[in-house]
Amino acid sequence: MVFRGVITTALLRHGVVLGVVGSTLIFAIAHGFNIVFPAAVVAGLATTEIYRRSGSIWTAVVVHVVFNLPTIPVMVAAGMG
């Protein structure tokens, strides 16, 4: 909610490219420079663009949840969940 509701909204005031790319990079960096980084970039781009087009943070939240769902069984199988 912070990334889409606050950061994306603030950056979109400076243009679509800065808003989408900027908030995506901040989102991905917040997830860390690790194996998750590329997936965080993809998820960030998708949720940012969905938020921008729909105007609803809840649409982006639902997409984020759906994007993360497959990680739960993987983490459990790896003994991390």
Protein backbone atom coordinates (compact mmCIF):
# COMPACT_ATOMS: atom_id res chain seq x y z
CA MET A 1 0.00 0.00 0.00
CA VAL A 2 2.91 2.31 0.69
CA PHE A 3 4.47 1.69 -2.71
CA ARG A 4 1.33 2.15 -4.79
CA GLY A 5 -0.68 4.50 -2.59
CA VAL A 6 2.10 6.88 -1.58
CA ILE A 7 5.26 6.42 -3.66
CA THR A 8 3.65 5.71 -7.03
CA THR A 9 1.11 8.49 -6.60
CA ALA A 10 3.87 10.97 -5.73
CA LEU A 11 6.10 9.91 -8.63
CA LEU A 12 3.27 9.87 -11.18
CA ARG A 13 2.99 13.63 -10.68
CA HIS A 14 6.29 13.83 -12.55
CA GLY A 15 5.18 11.68 -15.48
CA VAL A 16 4.18 8.13 -16.29
CA VAL A 17 7.69 6.83 -16.97
CA LEU A 18 9.16 8.21 -13.74
CA GLY A 19 6.13 7.06 -11.79
CA VAL A 20 6.10 3.51 -13.10
CA VAL A 21 9.84 2.88 -13.37
CA GLY A 22 10.76 4.81 -10.22
CA SER A 23 8.26 3.12 -7.94
CA THR A 24 9.06 -0.27 -9.48
CA LEU A 25 12.77 0.13 -8.72
CA ILE A 26 12.10 1.31 -5.18
CA PHE A 27 9.76 -1.67 -4.67
CA ALA A 28 12.32 -4.14 -6.04
CA ILE A 29 15.21 -2.67 -4.04
CA ALA A 30 13.10 -2.89 -0.88
CA HIS A 31 12.89 -6.64 -1.53
CA GLY A 32 16.68 -6.81 -1.62
CA PHE A 33 19.39 -7.52 -4.15
CA ASN A 34 18.95 -11.28 -4.19
CA ILE A 35 17.24 -14.02 -6.18
CA VAL A 36 13.87 -12.31 -5.61
CA PHE A 37 14.96 -9.04 -7.26
CA PRO A 38 13.97 -9.93 -10.87
CA ALA A 39 10.56 -11.22 -9.75
CA ALA A 40 10.07 -8.07 -7.66
CA VAL A 41 10.78 -5.96 -10.75
CA VAL A 42 8.17 -7.87 -12.76
CA ALA A 43 5.62 -7.73 -9.93
CA GLY A 44 6.38 -4.06 -9.38
CA LEU A 45 5.87 -3.19 -13.03
CA ALA A 46 2.63 -5.16 -13.19
CA THR A 47 1.12 -3.78 -9.99
CA THR A 48 2.19 -0.23 -10.73
CA GLU A 49 0.68 -0.27 -14.19
CA ILE A 50 -2.50 -1.93 -12.93
CA TYR A 51 -2.78 0.71 -10.20
CA ARG A 52 -2.15 3.50 -12.71
CA ARG A 53 -4.76 2.26 -15.16
CA SER A 54 -7.43 1.27 -12.65
CA GLY A 55 -6.90 4.09 -10.15
CA SER A 56 -7.55 1.56 -7.39
CA ILE A 57 -4.95 0.39 -4.93
CA TRP A 58 -7.09 -2.70 -4.24
CA THR A 59 -6.71 -4.02 -7.77
CA ALA A 60 -2.94 -3.84 -7.34
CA VAL A 61 -3.17 -5.53 -3.92
CA VAL A 62 -5.15 -8.44 -5.38
CA VAL A 63 -2.61 -8.86 -8.22
CA HIS A 64 0.24 -8.78 -5.67
CA VAL A 65 -1.44 -11.50 -3.58
CA VAL A 66 -2.07 -13.69 -6.63
CA PHE A 67 1.53 -13.16 -7.78
CA ASN A 68 2.82 -14.27 -4.36
CA LEU A 69 0.54 -17.31 -3.91
CA PRO A 70 2.82 -19.79 -5.72
CA THR A 71 5.67 -18.94 -3.36
CA ILE A 72 3.87 -20.42 -0.34
CA PRO A 73 4.14 -24.11 -1.33
CA VAL A 74 7.69 -23.54 -2.54
CA MET A 75 8.71 -22.06 0.81
CA VAL A 76 6.97 -24.89 2.69
CA ALA A 77 8.68 -27.52 0.52
CA ALA A 78 12.04 -25.82 1.08
CA GLY A 79 11.47 -25.80 4.85
CA MET A 80 11.32 -22.01 4.98
CA GLY A 81 7.60 -21.59 5.71
